[in-house]
Amino acid sequence: MQRLMSAAGKCCLAAALGGMTLLAGGCGSAPSGHKGAGSAASSLSPTGACRSPASAAGTVTVPPLSAIEFVSGQQGWAVGAGRILATSDGGRVWLTRYRGAARLDQVDFVDAEHGWAVGTSGLLATTDGGGVWTALPEPCPVIRSVHFATPSLGYAVAGGSDVRIDGGVPAPVVAGRLLSTTDGGRSWQPVSGAPAMAQTVCFSSPVDGFLGTPGRIWRSTDGGRRWSLSFAEPAQPGYPHHEPGDTAVVECAGRSAAWVLFLGFGAALGNAPYIAFATQDARGWRAVLEETYTESAIMPEVHAPAGPGSYPGPFSAISADAAAFVGFDPSVGYGAAPLEMVAGGGAGRSTQGNVSGTTQASGVAFITTSRGWVVGTDQTVAGQYGSYVIEATTDGGLSWTRQYQTG
């Protein structure tokens, strides 16, 4: 069963054009980042310090719709600032299941009943498919994203700074920490011995998982007790002093399989670097697509097909063989969100064109190569943000139907 983590904010467009980062604070001053495997801190601070007025987390702008996830062709959820929507009929009808103060930018479900919604202002959980949402205690540093393997066992990336949202999952550039829970998120503990500078995490089972850190992907086969380096991003001769490495957004795709989107730094002439890799066995990794204008200079030895759009966007790992990538192209009218379906573990691909009705995507969820949903903005007037919408396809992106639109 494919599950998606995805999120973004209303200031995605401005962030993209300004260097692809979104600043978000943690709790107090973040420690300086260091590379490779390291020991996580042994304690967590009380939550209150993270929610002080001085916390930069409060500066993050979350839109009315920012993330989407489906666990089947019928059951799905979308979250954003002050709302959670749910559908039980594939999106023909979306019902509001939460109205409140929470600014939510990520949603994660392990089945049709158990789910979590994360944002800049708290962590919510449900055990009845989203009918009732309960606020959970949150550690300090604050949680950026979660990924649960079972209704009780889950992992989180917490803390850090310079949180990037352009890859679909909130990912701190530096100083992120890996946490775990065994009680459904009611309490969290640092994962001892986890690689330092955690950015994103996913588990396909209680024991088999991947962790993204700057320029690297790590794998655990024992529930996070031990980690080994699975993949290191190729050297960047065009940027010999670039450290600590590109931001890694990783999604699991079954046992031993994963997809990763590396988000580079800077922008040039309407282009920003990104490159994606995939593995089916946690050993061999294939470059599947890249932003060619800048990446050809940064990594000249890597020759990957051109990705969708000149800026990165969210992606959805469908299986070990397939993933859907949505990019951003600001040079097309008011902007466009091109979709590209990658198949054969990266060996094949088909460009499906733009997601109609969407200027820029913040989240994407595909359950098969044919059926998927995208959430994003519909900016129809230059310089003004339009509605936030949910678009759906049943033919792999050839045609789209609008299912929901904010007022």
Protein backbone atom coordinates (compact mmCIF):
# COMPACT_ATOMS: atom_id res chain seq x y z
CA MET A 1 0.00 0.00 0.00
CA GLN A 2 1.59 3.25 -1.12
CA ARG A 3 1.55 6.09 1.35
CA LEU A 4 2.60 9.65 0.69
CA MET A 5 4.11 12.40 2.76
CA SER A 6 3.77 15.76 1.18
CA ALA A 7 3.60 19.46 2.26
CA ALA A 8 4.18 23.01 1.16
CA GLY A 9 3.31 26.58 2.03
CA LYS A 10 1.64 29.51 0.40
CA CYS A 11 5.03 31.17 -0.03
CA CYS A 12 6.29 28.29 -2.21
CA LEU A 13 6.49 30.51 -5.27
CA ALA A 14 8.41 33.26 -3.54
CA ALA A 15 10.63 30.69 -1.82
CA ALA A 16 11.36 28.95 -5.10
CA LEU A 17 12.31 32.13 -6.88
CA GLY A 18 14.38 33.22 -3.91
CA GLY A 19 16.59 30.15 -3.60
CA MET A 20 14.32 27.21 -2.82
CA THR A 21 14.32 27.43 0.98
CA LEU A 22 11.74 28.33 3.57
CA LEU A 23 13.08 29.55 6.87
CA ALA A 24 11.56 27.94 9.91
CA GLY A 25 12.88 27.94 13.42
CA GLY A 26 13.28 25.31 16.05
CA CYS A 27 13.59 25.48 19.79
CA GLY A 28 16.25 27.89 20.87
CA SER A 29 19.53 27.91 18.97
CA ALA A 30 20.14 24.92 16.73
CA PRO A 31 23.48 23.14 16.99
CA SER A 32 25.82 23.31 14.04
CA GLY A 33 25.34 20.42 11.62
CA HIS A 34 27.90 17.68 11.06
CA LYS A 35 28.03 15.00 8.42
CA GLY A 36 27.88 11.23 8.52
CA ALA A 37 26.66 8.96 11.28
CA GLY A 38 26.51 10.45 14.73
CA SER A 39 24.79 9.97 18.03
CA ALA A 40 21.48 11.71 18.54
CA ALA A 41 20.92 13.76 21.67
CA SER A 42 19.70 11.75 24.62
CA SER A 43 16.96 14.05 25.87
CA LEU A 44 14.16 16.28 24.71
CA SER A 45 13.09 19.61 26.13
CA PRO A 46 9.59 20.59 27.26
CA THR A 47 7.29 21.64 24.46
CA GLY A 48 6.58 25.09 25.82
CA ALA A 49 9.92 26.56 24.79
CA CYS A 50 9.17 25.71 21.17
CA ARG A 51 5.92 27.64 21.16
CA SER A 52 7.31 30.88 22.57
CA PRO A 53 6.67 34.09 20.61
CA ALA A 54 10.35 34.14 19.66
CA SER A 55 10.10 30.84 17.84
CA ALA A 56 10.56 31.36 14.11
CA ALA A 57 8.19 28.47 13.47
CA GLY A 58 5.41 30.99 13.79
CA THR A 59 6.68 32.85 10.72
CA VAL A 60 5.92 29.99 8.34
CA THR A 61 2.91 30.68 6.15
CA VAL A 62 0.74 27.61 5.59
CA PRO A 63 -1.94 27.78 2.88
CA PRO A 64 -5.54 26.56 3.15
CA LEU A 65 -4.48 23.35 1.33
CA SER A 66 -0.90 22.11 1.47
CA ALA A 67 -0.72 18.29 1.55
CA ILE A 68 -2.68 15.24 0.40
CA GLU A 69 -2.62 11.48 0.97
CA PHE A 70 -4.62 8.45 -0.14
CA VAL A 71 -4.47 4.91 1.25
CA SER A 72 -6.84 3.46 -1.37
CA GLY A 73 -8.82 4.51 -4.40
CA GLN A 74 -11.59 5.74 -2.09
CA GLN A 75 -10.03 6.91 1.16
CA GLY A 76 -8.04 10.15 1.24
CA TRP A 77 -7.27 13.30 3.21
CA ALA A 78 -6.03 16.83 2.49
CA VAL A 79 -4.73 19.28 5.09
CA GLY A 80 -3.82 22.94 5.33
CA ALA A 81 -4.11 25.98 7.54
CA GLY A 82 -6.98 25.42 9.95
CA ARG A 83 -8.58 22.51 8.10
CA ILE A 84 -8.56 18.80 7.38
CA LEU A 85 -10.66 17.42 4.52
CA ALA A 86 -11.60 13.77 4.01
CA THR A 87 -13.17 11.71 1.25
CA SER A 88 -14.49 8.15 1.20
CA ASP A 89 -15.48 8.09 -2.48
CA GLY A 90 -12.27 8.91 -4.29
CA GLY A 91 -12.72 12.64 -4.03
CA ARG A 92 -16.14 13.11 -5.55
CA VAL A 93 -17.15 14.59 -2.19
CA TRP A 94 -14.72 16.21 0.26
CA LEU A 95 -15.97 16.84 3.80
CA THR A 96 -14.39 19.12 6.39
CA ARG A 97 -13.35 17.01 9.39
CA TYR A 98 -11.38 19.61 11.31
CA ARG A 99 -11.60 23.37 11.75
CA GLY A 100 -9.20 24.99 14.16
CA ALA A 101 -5.99 26.89 14.76
CA ALA A 102 -3.54 24.20 13.62
CA ARG A 103 -1.45 25.17 10.59
CA LEU A 104 -0.96 21.76 8.98
CA ASP A 105 1.53 21.00 6.22
CA GLN A 106 1.90 17.20 6.30
CA VAL A 107 -0.47 14.22 6.65
CA ASP A 108 0.40 10.55 7.19
CA PHE A 109 -1.95 7.53 7.43
CA VAL A 110 -1.00 3.88 7.95
CA ASP A 111 -4.50 2.59 7.16
CA ALA A 112 -8.04 3.89 6.77
CA GLU A 113 -8.36 4.63 10.49
CA HIS A 114 -5.02 5.74 11.96
CA GLY A 115 -3.47 9.01 10.85
CA TRP A 116 -1.47 12.05 11.91
CA ALA A 117 -1.37 15.65 10.74
CA VAL A 118 1.71 17.79 11.39
CA GLY A 119 2.21 21.50 11.09
CA THR A 120 3.94 24.56 12.38
CA SER A 121 1.60 24.70 15.35
CA GLY A 122 1.22 21.14 16.61
CA LEU A 123 0.65 17.45 16.03
CA LEU A 124 -2.84 15.93 15.65
CA ALA A 125 -3.89 12.27 15.53
CA THR A 126 -7.01 10.28 14.66
CA THR A 127 -8.02 6.66 15.22
CA ASP A 128 -11.35 6.75 13.40
CA GLY A 129 -10.40 7.79 9.89
CA GLY A 130 -10.41 11.50 10.67
CA GLY A 131 -13.78 11.86 12.34
CA VAL A 132 -12.14 13.09 15.55
CA TRP A 133 -8.68 14.67 15.78
CA THR A 134 -6.79 14.89 19.06
CA ALA A 135 -3.85 17.18 19.80
CA LEU A 136 -0.82 15.22 21.02
CA PRO A 137 1.99 16.45 23.26
CA GLU A 138 4.92 17.52 21.11
CA PRO A 139 8.61 17.44 22.01
CA CYS A 140 11.07 20.26 21.68
CA PRO A 141 12.58 20.70 19.14
CA VAL A 142 9.30 20.65 17.27
CA ILE A 143 8.41 17.89 14.82
CA ARG A 144 8.75 18.74 11.12
CA SER A 145 7.39 15.51 9.59
CA VAL A 146 6.32 12.02 10.66
CA HIS A 147 6.16 8.59 9.08
CA PHE A 148 4.42 5.72 10.87
CA ALA A 149 5.01 2.02 10.21
CA THR A 150 2.13 0.81 12.42
CA PRO A 151 -0.59 2.56 14.45
CA SER A 152 1.82 2.65 17.41
CA LEU A 153 5.33 2.70 15.87
CA GLY A 154 6.44 5.85 14.10
CA TYR A 155 9.39 8.09 13.32
CA ALA A 156 9.77 11.85 13.12
CA VAL A 157 12.29 14.42 11.97
CA ALA A 158 12.40 17.25 14.50
CA GLY A 159 14.18 20.54 14.95
CA GLY A 160 16.71 21.95 12.57
CA SER A 161 16.52 25.14 10.55
CA ASP A 162 16.11 26.46 7.00
CA VAL A 163 13.25 24.06 6.39
CA ARG A 164 12.72 23.34 2.69
CA ILE A 165 9.24 22.61 1.41
CA ASP A 166 9.82 22.51 -2.34
CA GLY A 167 10.25 18.72 -2.42
CA GLY A 168 6.85 18.02 -0.91
CA VAL A 169 7.99 17.14 2.62
CA PRO A 170 9.20 19.70 5.19
CA ALA A 171 12.96 19.00 5.46
CA PRO A 172 15.40 20.94 7.67
CA VAL A 173 18.61 21.74 5.82
CA VAL A 174 20.74 21.47 8.97
CA ALA A 175 20.53 20.12 12.51
CA GLY A 176 17.45 17.88 12.16
CA ARG A 177 17.07 15.01 14.64
CA LEU A 178 15.47 11.59 14.26
CA LEU A 179 12.89 10.62 16.89
CA SER A 180 10.74 7.54 17.40
CA THR A 181 7.51 6.65 19.21
CA THR A 182 5.96 3.37 20.28
CA ASP A 183 2.67 4.77 21.56
CA GLY A 184 1.21 6.40 18.49
CA GLY A 185 2.92 9.75 19.00
CA ARG A 186 2.02 10.44 22.62
CA SER A 187 5.70 10.41 23.55
CA TRP A 188 8.92 10.61 21.54
CA GLN A 189 12.51 9.57 22.11
CA PRO A 190 15.71 10.37 20.19
CA VAL A 191 16.91 7.44 18.07
CA SER A 192 20.29 6.65 19.57
CA GLY A 193 23.04 6.25 16.99
CA ALA A 194 21.00 7.61 14.08
CA PRO A 195 22.94 9.62 11.48
CA ALA A 196 23.16 13.29 12.29
CA MET A 197 21.34 16.05 10.40
CA ALA A 198 18.19 14.07 9.66
CA GLN A 199 16.04 15.60 6.91
CA THR A 200 13.35 13.05 5.94
CA VAL A 201 12.56 9.46 6.95
CA CYS A 202 10.35 6.59 5.80
CA PHE A 203 9.73 2.97 6.81
CA SER A 204 8.08 0.33 4.64
CA SER A 205 7.77 -2.04 7.62
CA PRO A 206 8.56 -1.87 11.34
CA VAL A 207 12.17 -2.88 10.59
CA ASP A 208 12.97 -1.66 7.06
CA GLY A 209 13.55 2.06 6.59
CA PHE A 210 15.52 4.83 4.89
CA LEU A 211 16.78 8.13 6.29
CA GLY A 212 17.82 11.16 4.28
CA THR A 213 20.64 13.43 5.43
CA PRO A 214 22.50 16.08 3.40
CA GLY A 215 23.67 14.34 0.23
CA ARG A 216 23.21 10.85 1.68
CA ILE A 217 20.67 8.07 2.13
CA TRP A 218 20.97 5.63 5.02
CA ARG A 219 19.23 2.29 5.53
CA SER A 220 18.16 0.34 8.61
CA THR A 221 16.91 -3.24 8.66
CA ASP A 222 16.43 -3.50 12.42
CA GLY A 223 13.94 -0.77 13.21
CA GLY A 224 16.45 2.07 13.41
CA ARG A 225 18.89 0.56 15.88
CA ARG A 226 21.67 0.44 13.28
CA TRP A 227 22.12 2.43 10.07
CA SER A 228 24.39 1.86 7.08
CA LEU A 229 25.14 4.17 4.18
CA SER A 230 23.05 3.09 1.18
CA PHE A 231 23.83 5.93 -1.23
CA ALA A 232 25.97 9.06 -1.41
CA GLU A 233 25.18 11.79 -3.90
CA PRO A 234 27.87 12.01 -6.60
CA ALA A 235 30.63 14.55 -6.13
CA GLN A 236 29.91 18.08 -7.28
CA PRO A 237 33.05 19.34 -9.07
CA GLY A 238 31.12 22.42 -10.13
CA TYR A 239 30.68 23.26 -6.43
CA PRO A 240 33.76 21.77 -4.72
CA HIS A 241 33.15 23.57 -1.43
CA HIS A 242 29.42 22.96 -1.19
CA GLU A 243 28.65 21.48 2.21
CA PRO A 244 26.91 19.85 3.92
CA GLY A 245 25.23 18.53 0.73
CA ASP A 246 21.90 18.69 -1.08
CA THR A 247 18.68 18.30 0.90
CA ALA A 248 17.35 14.72 0.66
CA VAL A 249 13.62 13.99 0.38
CA VAL A 250 13.17 10.21 0.55
CA GLU A 251 10.08 8.01 0.09
CA CYS A 252 9.94 4.27 0.64
CA ALA A 253 8.45 2.05 -2.06
CA GLY A 254 8.34 -1.40 -0.49
CA ARG A 255 11.00 -3.61 1.03
CA SER A 256 14.51 -2.41 0.08
CA ALA A 257 13.11 0.08 -2.45
CA ALA A 258 13.12 3.87 -2.27
CA TRP A 259 13.08 7.07 -4.32
CA VAL A 260 14.96 10.24 -3.36
CA LEU A 261 14.82 13.79 -4.66
CA PHE A 262 17.92 15.86 -3.88
CA LEU A 263 17.23 19.59 -3.72
CA GLY A 264 20.19 21.74 -4.71
CA PHE A 265 20.96 25.30 -3.72
CA GLY A 266 20.64 28.55 -5.61
CA ALA A 267 18.91 29.45 -8.87
CA ALA A 268 20.02 30.72 -12.27
CA LEU A 269 17.94 32.20 -15.09
CA GLY A 270 14.70 30.69 -13.87
CA ASN A 271 16.22 27.30 -13.04
CA ALA A 272 17.03 25.59 -9.73
CA PRO A 273 19.03 22.37 -9.36
CA TYR A 274 17.39 19.08 -8.45
CA ILE A 275 18.15 15.43 -9.20
CA ALA A 276 16.30 12.20 -8.38
CA PHE A 277 17.55 8.65 -7.84
CA ALA A 278 15.82 5.31 -7.23
CA THR A 279 16.76 1.87 -5.91
CA GLN A 280 14.95 -1.46 -5.91
CA ASP A 281 17.39 -3.33 -3.68
CA ALA A 282 18.98 -0.63 -1.45
CA ARG A 283 22.31 -1.23 -3.21
CA GLY A 284 22.14 -0.10 -6.82
CA TRP A 285 20.87 3.45 -7.34
CA ARG A 286 19.87 4.90 -10.71
CA ALA A 287 19.65 8.58 -11.65
CA VAL A 288 16.11 8.93 -12.98
CA LEU A 289 15.74 12.65 -13.77
CA GLU A 290 17.34 16.02 -13.19
CA GLU A 291 17.03 19.72 -13.84
CA THR A 292 19.52 19.70 -16.69
CA TYR A 293 20.36 23.41 -17.05
CA THR A 294 22.20 23.68 -13.73
CA GLU A 295 22.82 20.03 -12.82
CA SER A 296 24.79 19.44 -16.03
CA ALA A 297 27.37 21.87 -14.67
CA ILE A 298 27.19 20.77 -11.03
CA MET A 299 27.40 17.03 -11.78
CA PRO A 300 28.69 16.72 -15.34
CA GLU A 301 29.34 12.99 -14.98
CA VAL A 302 25.65 12.28 -14.26
CA HIS A 303 23.48 12.09 -17.37
CA ALA A 304 19.81 11.83 -16.40
CA PRO A 305 16.71 12.70 -18.46
CA ALA A 306 15.24 16.13 -17.96
CA GLY A 307 12.79 16.40 -15.09
CA PRO A 308 9.42 18.16 -15.11
CA GLY A 309 9.81 21.91 -14.85
CA SER A 310 12.77 24.15 -14.15
CA TYR A 311 12.12 24.04 -10.39
CA PRO A 312 11.53 20.99 -8.18
CA GLY A 313 8.16 20.00 -6.78
CA PRO A 314 6.54 17.15 -4.83
CA PHE A 315 6.65 13.53 -5.89
CA SER A 316 4.78 10.32 -5.08
CA ALA A 317 6.50 6.92 -4.85
CA ILE A 318 3.91 4.51 -6.24
CA SER A 319 5.97 1.30 -6.10
CA ALA A 320 9.52 0.08 -6.53
CA ASP A 321 8.96 0.46 -10.28
CA ALA A 322 7.07 3.73 -10.58
CA ALA A 323 6.87 7.26 -9.21
CA ALA A 324 5.09 10.46 -10.23
CA PHE A 325 7.04 13.74 -10.18
CA VAL A 326 5.41 17.17 -10.40
CA GLY A 327 7.63 20.18 -11.04
CA PHE A 328 7.20 23.91 -11.39
CA ASP A 329 7.81 26.05 -14.46
CA PRO A 330 7.43 29.77 -13.64
CA SER A 331 8.15 30.84 -17.23
CA VAL A 332 4.84 29.44 -18.57
CA GLY A 333 2.16 32.12 -18.21
CA TYR A 334 1.40 32.44 -14.53
CA GLY A 335 3.36 29.24 -13.95
CA ALA A 336 2.67 25.58 -14.67
CA ALA A 337 2.98 22.25 -12.85
CA PRO A 338 4.34 19.65 -15.30
CA LEU A 339 3.88 15.95 -14.46
CA GLU A 340 6.27 13.15 -15.38
CA MET A 341 5.64 9.47 -14.68
CA VAL A 342 8.81 7.41 -14.17
CA ALA A 343 8.51 3.64 -14.67
CA GLY A 344 10.77 0.60 -14.66
CA GLY A 345 12.60 1.79 -11.56
CA GLY A 346 13.80 4.76 -13.59
CA ALA A 347 14.44 2.99 -16.90
CA GLY A 348 11.32 4.36 -18.60
CA ARG A 349 9.27 7.52 -18.47
CA SER A 350 6.41 9.39 -20.03
CA THR A 351 5.79 13.12 -19.81
CA GLN A 352 2.10 13.63 -19.21
CA GLY A 353 1.95 17.41 -19.58
CA ASN A 354 0.79 20.01 -17.09
CA VAL A 355 -1.60 19.42 -14.23
CA SER A 356 -4.52 21.44 -15.55
CA GLY A 357 -5.97 24.06 -13.26
CA THR A 358 -2.86 24.11 -11.06
CA THR A 359 -0.25 26.83 -11.22
CA GLN A 360 2.08 25.25 -8.65
CA ALA A 361 1.70 21.93 -6.80
CA SER A 362 2.43 21.52 -3.12
CA GLY A 363 1.46 17.85 -2.76
CA VAL A 364 0.80 14.80 -4.91
CA ALA A 365 -0.59 11.33 -4.16
CA PHE A 366 -0.74 8.54 -6.74
CA ILE A 367 -1.96 5.04 -5.81
CA THR A 368 -1.31 3.63 -9.30
CA THR A 369 0.33 5.01 -12.43
CA SER A 370 -3.17 5.90 -13.64
CA ARG A 371 -4.92 7.29 -10.59
CA GLY A 372 -3.71 10.26 -8.59
CA TRP A 373 -4.44 13.59 -6.96
CA VAL A 374 -2.59 16.91 -6.80
CA VAL A 375 -3.12 19.79 -4.41
CA GLY A 376 -1.82 23.26 -5.20
CA THR A 377 -2.54 26.82 -6.20
CA ASP A 378 -4.57 28.11 -9.11
CA GLN A 379 -3.05 31.52 -9.67
CA THR A 380 -4.99 33.11 -12.51
CA VAL A 381 -4.01 36.72 -11.93
CA ALA A 382 -0.36 37.81 -12.01
CA GLY A 383 0.92 38.81 -8.59
CA GLN A 384 -2.14 37.49 -6.76
CA TYR A 385 -2.72 34.08 -5.23
CA GLY A 386 -5.89 32.45 -6.43
CA SER A 387 -7.77 29.49 -5.03
CA TYR A 388 -6.23 26.34 -3.61
CA VAL A 389 -7.51 23.29 -5.42
CA ILE A 390 -7.54 19.49 -5.54
CA GLU A 391 -7.20 18.05 -9.06
CA ALA A 392 -7.66 14.33 -9.85
CA THR A 393 -6.72 12.08 -12.77
CA THR A 394 -7.70 8.53 -13.70
CA ASP A 395 -5.58 8.28 -16.86
CA GLY A 396 -2.07 8.97 -15.58
CA GLY A 397 -2.29 12.73 -15.95
CA LEU A 398 -3.60 13.03 -19.49
CA SER A 399 -6.77 14.70 -18.18
CA TRP A 400 -7.72 16.23 -14.84
CA THR A 401 -10.93 16.92 -12.92
CA ARG A 402 -11.25 19.58 -10.24
CA GLN A 403 -12.67 18.04 -7.08
CA TYR A 404 -12.33 20.86 -4.56
CA GLN A 405 -11.65 24.59 -4.51
CA THR A 406 -11.24 26.99 -1.62
CA GLY A 407 -13.27 30.16 -1.57
